[in-house]
C-alpha atoms as a PDB file:
ATOM      1  CA  UNK A   1     -12.114 -54.719 -10.256  1.00  0.00           C
ATOM      2  CA  UNK A   2     -12.995 -51.193  -9.155  1.00  0.00           C
ATOM      3  CA  UNK A   3      -9.385 -50.107  -9.696  1.00  0.00           C
ATOM      4  CA  UNK A   4      -9.312 -51.650 -13.197  1.00  0.00           C
ATOM      5  CA  UNK A   5     -12.516 -49.853 -14.231  1.00  0.00           C
ATOM      6  CA  UNK A   6     -11.237 -46.582 -12.764  1.00  0.00           C
ATOM      7  CA  UNK A   7      -7.938 -46.830 -14.673  1.00  0.00           C
ATOM      8  CA  UNK A   8      -9.826 -47.654 -17.876  1.00  0.00           C
ATOM      9  CA  UNK A   9     -12.007 -44.562 -17.379  1.00  0.00           C
ATOM     10  CA  UNK A  10      -8.889 -42.446 -16.733  1.00  0.00           C
ATOM     11  CA  UNK A  11      -7.220 -43.716 -19.922  1.00  0.00           C
ATOM     12  CA  UNK A  12     -10.325 -42.973 -21.999  1.00  0.00           C
ATOM     13  CA  UNK A  13     -10.805 -39.554 -20.365  1.00  0.00           C
ATOM     14  CA  UNK A  14      -7.152 -38.537 -20.828  1.00  0.00           C
ATOM     15  CA  UNK A  15      -7.139 -39.893 -24.389  1.00  0.00           C
ATOM     16  CA  UNK A  16     -10.223 -37.895 -25.319  1.00  0.00           C
ATOM     17  CA  UNK A  17      -8.870 -34.811 -23.561  1.00  0.00           C
ATOM     18  CA  UNK A  18      -5.528 -35.123 -25.340  1.00  0.00           C
ATOM     19  CA  UNK A  19      -7.192 -35.348 -28.737  1.00  0.00           C
ATOM     20  CA  UNK A  20      -9.702 -32.582 -28.018  1.00  0.00           C
ATOM     21  CA  UNK A  21      -9.831 -29.101 -29.475  1.00  0.00           C
ATOM     22  CA  UNK A  22      -8.552 -27.693 -26.176  1.00  0.00           C
ATOM     23  CA  UNK A  23      -5.110 -29.184 -26.775  1.00  0.00           C
ATOM     24  CA  UNK A  24      -5.102 -28.320 -30.479  1.00  0.00           C
ATOM     25  CA  UNK A  25      -4.322 -24.741 -29.430  1.00  0.00           C
ATOM     26  CA  UNK A  26      -0.773 -25.948 -28.743  1.00  0.00           C
ATOM     27  CA  UNK A  27      -0.381 -26.966 -32.381  1.00  0.00           C
ATOM     28  CA  UNK A  28      -0.289 -23.256 -33.178  1.00  0.00           C
ATOM     29  CA  UNK A  29       3.008 -23.109 -31.278  1.00  0.00           C
ATOM     30  CA  UNK A  30       4.409 -26.135 -33.077  1.00  0.00           C
ATOM     31  CA  UNK A  31       3.482 -29.675 -33.985  1.00  0.00           C
ATOM     32  CA  UNK A  32       3.410 -30.834 -30.372  1.00  0.00           C
ATOM     33  CA  UNK A  33       0.880 -30.861 -27.623  1.00  0.00           C
ATOM     34  CA  UNK A  34       1.172 -32.111 -24.043  1.00  0.00           C
ATOM     35  CA  UNK A  35       1.266 -35.889 -23.746  1.00  0.00           C
ATOM     36  CA  UNK A  36      -1.052 -36.290 -20.761  1.00  0.00           C
ATOM     37  CA  UNK A  37      -1.357 -40.024 -21.451  1.00  0.00           C
ATOM     38  CA  UNK A  38       2.387 -40.229 -20.781  1.00  0.00           C
ATOM     39  CA  UNK A  39       1.840 -38.348 -17.528  1.00  0.00           C
ATOM     40  CA  UNK A  40      -0.852 -40.811 -16.452  1.00  0.00           C
ATOM     41  CA  UNK A  41       1.434 -43.770 -17.186  1.00  0.00           C
ATOM     42  CA  UNK A  42       4.344 -42.196 -15.298  1.00  0.00           C
ATOM     43  CA  UNK A  43       2.144 -41.304 -12.320  1.00  0.00           C
ATOM     44  CA  UNK A  44       0.707 -44.819 -11.971  1.00  0.00           C
ATOM     45  CA  UNK A  45       4.101 -46.438 -12.525  1.00  0.00           C
ATOM     46  CA  UNK A  46       5.761 -44.242  -9.936  1.00  0.00           C
ATOM     47  CA  UNK A  47       3.041 -44.696  -7.344  1.00  0.00           C
ATOM     48  CA  UNK A  48       2.229 -48.388  -7.918  1.00  0.00           C
ATOM     49  CA  UNK A  49       5.383 -49.931  -9.400  1.00  0.00           C
ATOM     50  CA  UNK A  50       6.597 -51.493 -12.614  1.00  0.00           C
ATOM     51  CA  UNK A  51       3.909 -54.126 -13.064  1.00  0.00           C
ATOM     52  CA  UNK A  52       0.988 -51.719 -12.843  1.00  0.00           C
ATOM     53  CA  UNK A  53       2.966 -49.166 -14.832  1.00  0.00           C
ATOM     54  CA  UNK A  54       3.385 -51.704 -17.619  1.00  0.00           C
ATOM     55  CA  UNK A  55      -0.293 -52.637 -17.592  1.00  0.00           C
ATOM     56  CA  UNK A  56      -1.463 -49.033 -17.674  1.00  0.00           C
ATOM     57  CA  UNK A  57       1.204 -48.237 -20.263  1.00  0.00           C
ATOM     58  CA  UNK A  58       0.030 -51.047 -22.519  1.00  0.00           C
ATOM     59  CA  UNK A  59      -3.644 -50.096 -22.166  1.00  0.00           C
ATOM     60  CA  UNK A  60      -2.944 -46.410 -22.721  1.00  0.00           C
ATOM     61  CA  UNK A  61      -0.648 -47.160 -25.651  1.00  0.00           C
ATOM     62  CA  UNK A  62      -3.270 -49.390 -27.218  1.00  0.00           C
ATOM     63  CA  UNK A  63      -5.873 -46.651 -26.836  1.00  0.00           C
ATOM     64  CA  UNK A  64      -3.541 -44.054 -28.383  1.00  0.00           C
ATOM     65  CA  UNK A  65      -2.431 -46.496 -31.077  1.00  0.00           C
ATOM     66  CA  UNK A  66      -5.974 -47.136 -32.254  1.00  0.00           C
ATOM     67  CA  UNK A  67      -6.370 -43.475 -33.151  1.00  0.00           C
ATOM     68  CA  UNK A  68      -2.795 -42.883 -34.335  1.00  0.00           C
ATOM     69  CA  UNK A  69      -1.357 -43.031 -37.826  1.00  0.00           C
ATOM     70  CA  UNK A  70       1.897 -44.475 -36.481  1.00  0.00           C
ATOM     71  CA  UNK A  71       2.818 -48.119 -36.976  1.00  0.00           C
ATOM     72  CA  UNK A  72       0.331 -50.199 -34.969  1.00  0.00           C
ATOM     73  CA  UNK A  73       1.985 -51.556 -31.843  1.00  0.00           C
ATOM     74  CA  UNK A  74       4.470 -48.704 -31.588  1.00  0.00           C
ATOM     75  CA  UNK A  75       2.527 -46.779 -28.940  1.00  0.00           C
ATOM     76  CA  UNK A  76       1.746 -49.809 -26.728  1.00  0.00           C
ATOM     77  CA  UNK A  77       5.429 -50.765 -26.836  1.00  0.00           C
ATOM     78  CA  UNK A  78       6.619 -47.249 -25.971  1.00  0.00           C
ATOM     79  CA  UNK A  79       4.173 -46.662 -23.126  1.00  0.00           C
ATOM     80  CA  UNK A  80       4.675 -50.179 -21.707  1.00  0.00           C
ATOM     81  CA  UNK A  81       8.443 -49.700 -21.628  1.00  0.00           C
ATOM     82  CA  UNK A  82       8.092 -46.257 -20.054  1.00  0.00           C
ATOM     83  CA  UNK A  83       5.682 -47.687 -17.467  1.00  0.00           C
ATOM     84  CA  UNK A  84       8.233 -50.355 -16.605  1.00  0.00           C
ATOM     85  CA  UNK A  85      11.203 -47.974 -16.409  1.00  0.00           C
ATOM     86  CA  UNK A  86       9.386 -45.315 -14.386  1.00  0.00           C
ATOM     87  CA  UNK A  87       8.062 -48.013 -12.058  1.00  0.00           C
ATOM     88  CA  UNK A  88      11.640 -48.943 -11.182  1.00  0.00           C
ATOM     89  CA  UNK A  89      12.004 -45.662  -9.282  1.00  0.00           C
ATOM     90  CA  UNK A  90       8.862 -46.382  -7.248  1.00  0.00           C
ATOM     91  CA  UNK A  91       9.192 -44.687  -3.871  1.00  0.00           C
ATOM     92  CA  UNK A  92      12.959 -44.236  -4.309  1.00  0.00           C
ATOM     93  CA  UNK A  93      12.633 -40.472  -4.618  1.00  0.00           C
ATOM     94  CA  UNK A  94      10.236 -38.045  -2.971  1.00  0.00           C
ATOM     95  CA  UNK A  95       7.264 -37.682  -5.321  1.00  0.00           C
ATOM     96  CA  UNK A  96       5.196 -35.101  -3.512  1.00  0.00           C
ATOM     97  CA  UNK A  97       7.500 -32.362  -4.705  1.00  0.00           C
ATOM     98  CA  UNK A  98       6.478 -30.546  -7.864  1.00  0.00           C
ATOM     99  CA  UNK A  99      10.110 -30.710  -8.959  1.00  0.00           C
ATOM    100  CA  UNK A 100       9.998 -34.518  -8.903  1.00  0.00           C
ATOM    101  CA  UNK A 101       7.029 -34.631 -11.257  1.00  0.00           C
ATOM    102  CA  UNK A 102       8.806 -32.244 -13.624  1.00  0.00           C
ATOM    103  CA  UNK A 103      11.977 -34.376 -13.642  1.00  0.00           C
ATOM    104  CA  UNK A 104      10.078 -37.662 -14.079  1.00  0.00           C
ATOM    105  CA  UNK A 105       8.085 -36.361 -17.046  1.00  0.00           C
ATOM    106  CA  UNK A 106      11.155 -34.731 -18.593  1.00  0.00           C
ATOM    107  CA  UNK A 107      13.042 -38.034 -18.521  1.00  0.00           C
ATOM    108  CA  UNK A 108       9.984 -39.994 -19.675  1.00  0.00           C
ATOM    109  CA  UNK A 109       9.747 -37.695 -22.707  1.00  0.00           C
ATOM    110  CA  UNK A 110      13.439 -38.235 -23.456  1.00  0.00           C
ATOM    111  CA  UNK A 111      12.949 -42.003 -23.134  1.00  0.00           C
ATOM    112  CA  UNK A 112       9.982 -41.813 -25.496  1.00  0.00           C
ATOM    113  CA  UNK A 113      12.090 -40.023 -28.104  1.00  0.00           C
ATOM    114  CA  UNK A 114      14.994 -42.430 -27.621  1.00  0.00           C
ATOM    115  CA  UNK A 115      12.764 -45.503 -28.041  1.00  0.00           C
ATOM    116  CA  UNK A 116      11.283 -44.116 -31.246  1.00  0.00           C
ATOM    117  CA  UNK A 117      14.789 -43.305 -32.487  1.00  0.00           C
ATOM    118  CA  UNK A 118      16.139 -46.782 -31.749  1.00  0.00           C
ATOM    119  CA  UNK A 119      13.146 -48.415 -33.411  1.00  0.00           C
ATOM    120  CA  UNK A 120      13.575 -46.132 -36.438  1.00  0.00           C
ATOM    121  CA  UNK A 121      17.027 -47.612 -36.936  1.00  0.00           C
ATOM    122  CA  UNK A 122      15.542 -51.108 -37.265  1.00  0.00           C
ATOM    123  CA  UNK A 123      12.236 -50.369 -38.982  1.00  0.00           C
ATOM    124  CA  UNK A 124      12.343 -48.151 -42.034  1.00  0.00           C
ATOM    125  CA  UNK A 125       8.544 -47.731 -41.861  1.00  0.00           C
ATOM    126  CA  UNK A 126       8.821 -45.420 -38.861  1.00  0.00           C
ATOM    127  CA  UNK A 127      11.958 -43.557 -39.924  1.00  0.00           C
ATOM    128  CA  UNK A 128       9.871 -40.765 -41.469  1.00  0.00           C
ATOM    129  CA  UNK A 129       7.664 -40.652 -38.369  1.00  0.00           C
ATOM    130  CA  UNK A 130      10.725 -40.338 -36.139  1.00  0.00           C
ATOM    131  CA  UNK A 131      12.309 -37.563 -38.174  1.00  0.00           C
ATOM    132  CA  UNK A 132       9.003 -35.676 -38.130  1.00  0.00           C
ATOM    133  CA  UNK A 133       8.603 -36.305 -34.390  1.00  0.00           C
ATOM    134  CA  UNK A 134      12.150 -35.207 -33.663  1.00  0.00           C
ATOM    135  CA  UNK A 135      11.997 -32.109 -35.838  1.00  0.00           C
ATOM    136  CA  UNK A 136       8.523 -30.904 -34.909  1.00  0.00           C
ATOM    137  CA  UNK A 137       7.482 -32.342 -31.579  1.00  0.00           C
ATOM    138  CA  UNK A 138      10.162 -33.687 -29.251  1.00  0.00           C
ATOM    139  CA  UNK A 139      11.840 -30.423 -28.322  1.00  0.00           C
ATOM    140  CA  UNK A 140       8.508 -28.710 -27.756  1.00  0.00           C
ATOM    141  CA  UNK A 141       7.250 -31.684 -25.722  1.00  0.00           C
ATOM    142  CA  UNK A 142      10.356 -31.451 -23.547  1.00  0.00           C
ATOM    143  CA  UNK A 143       9.149 -27.993 -22.528  1.00  0.00           C
ATOM    144  CA  UNK A 144       5.375 -28.468 -22.495  1.00  0.00           C
ATOM    145  CA  UNK A 145       5.176 -31.875 -20.768  1.00  0.00           C
ATOM    146  CA  UNK A 146       7.043 -30.877 -17.588  1.00  0.00           C
ATOM    147  CA  UNK A 147       4.941 -27.718 -17.294  1.00  0.00           C
ATOM    148  CA  UNK A 148       1.747 -29.748 -17.459  1.00  0.00           C
ATOM    149  CA  UNK A 149       3.143 -32.414 -15.121  1.00  0.00           C
ATOM    150  CA  UNK A 150       2.628 -30.339 -12.001  1.00  0.00           C
ATOM    151  CA  UNK A 151      -1.156 -29.789 -12.312  1.00  0.00           C
ATOM    152  CA  UNK A 152      -1.740 -33.287 -13.738  1.00  0.00           C
ATOM    153  CA  UNK A 153       0.211 -34.993 -10.930  1.00  0.00           C
ATOM    154  CA  UNK A 154      -1.503 -32.809  -8.319  1.00  0.00           C
ATOM    155  CA  UNK A 155      -4.942 -33.695  -9.701  1.00  0.00           C
ATOM    156  CA  UNK A 156      -4.151 -37.401  -9.947  1.00  0.00           C
ATOM    157  CA  UNK A 157      -2.648 -37.441  -6.462  1.00  0.00           C
ATOM    158  CA  UNK A 158      -5.680 -35.720  -5.024  1.00  0.00           C
ATOM    159  CA  UNK A 159      -8.450 -37.624  -6.808  1.00  0.00           C
ATOM    160  CA  UNK A 160      -7.043 -40.826  -8.323  1.00  0.00           C
ATOM    161  CA  UNK A 161      -4.554 -42.025  -5.739  1.00  0.00           C
ATOM    162  CA  UNK A 162      -7.184 -42.867  -3.099  1.00  0.00           C
ATOM    163  CA  UNK A 163      -8.925 -45.162  -5.614  1.00  0.00           C
ATOM    164  CA  UNK A 164      -5.640 -46.733  -6.765  1.00  0.00           C
ATOM    165  CA  UNK A 165      -4.642 -47.867  -3.256  1.00  0.00           C
END
């Protein structure tokens, strides 16, 4: 129960931080800002496995989806799938390296873009969202997310991992 409450607090904290004015500075560069919710999902999935990655991904996606203008259910689906896929590499590669966190977040961002693209083929409602995301955000996120992965992973490893055990 303590772990569940802690993860809920982390999701709310990261969600508020991601939507705060602090991260709006990055919108001056382009239409993208770091997806620290994605980083939280990838961290938990990598450290705890696919099942917990899916649960955290669904909860985080639901939280993001409530405040998003995207099609409702899109964010929970994306983050749940990323939580599952990143959980598959649980303890198969050395995660204490900063390079590993960069690679994991880079591929998670690519997977996020690919999922949105595949769904845009089937659902015309999100086609405009995908084109906007691809044109304005994805390429910038591919640069910004890995840079933020190192301090986010370090902080989560130092303070959150002991509670998640």
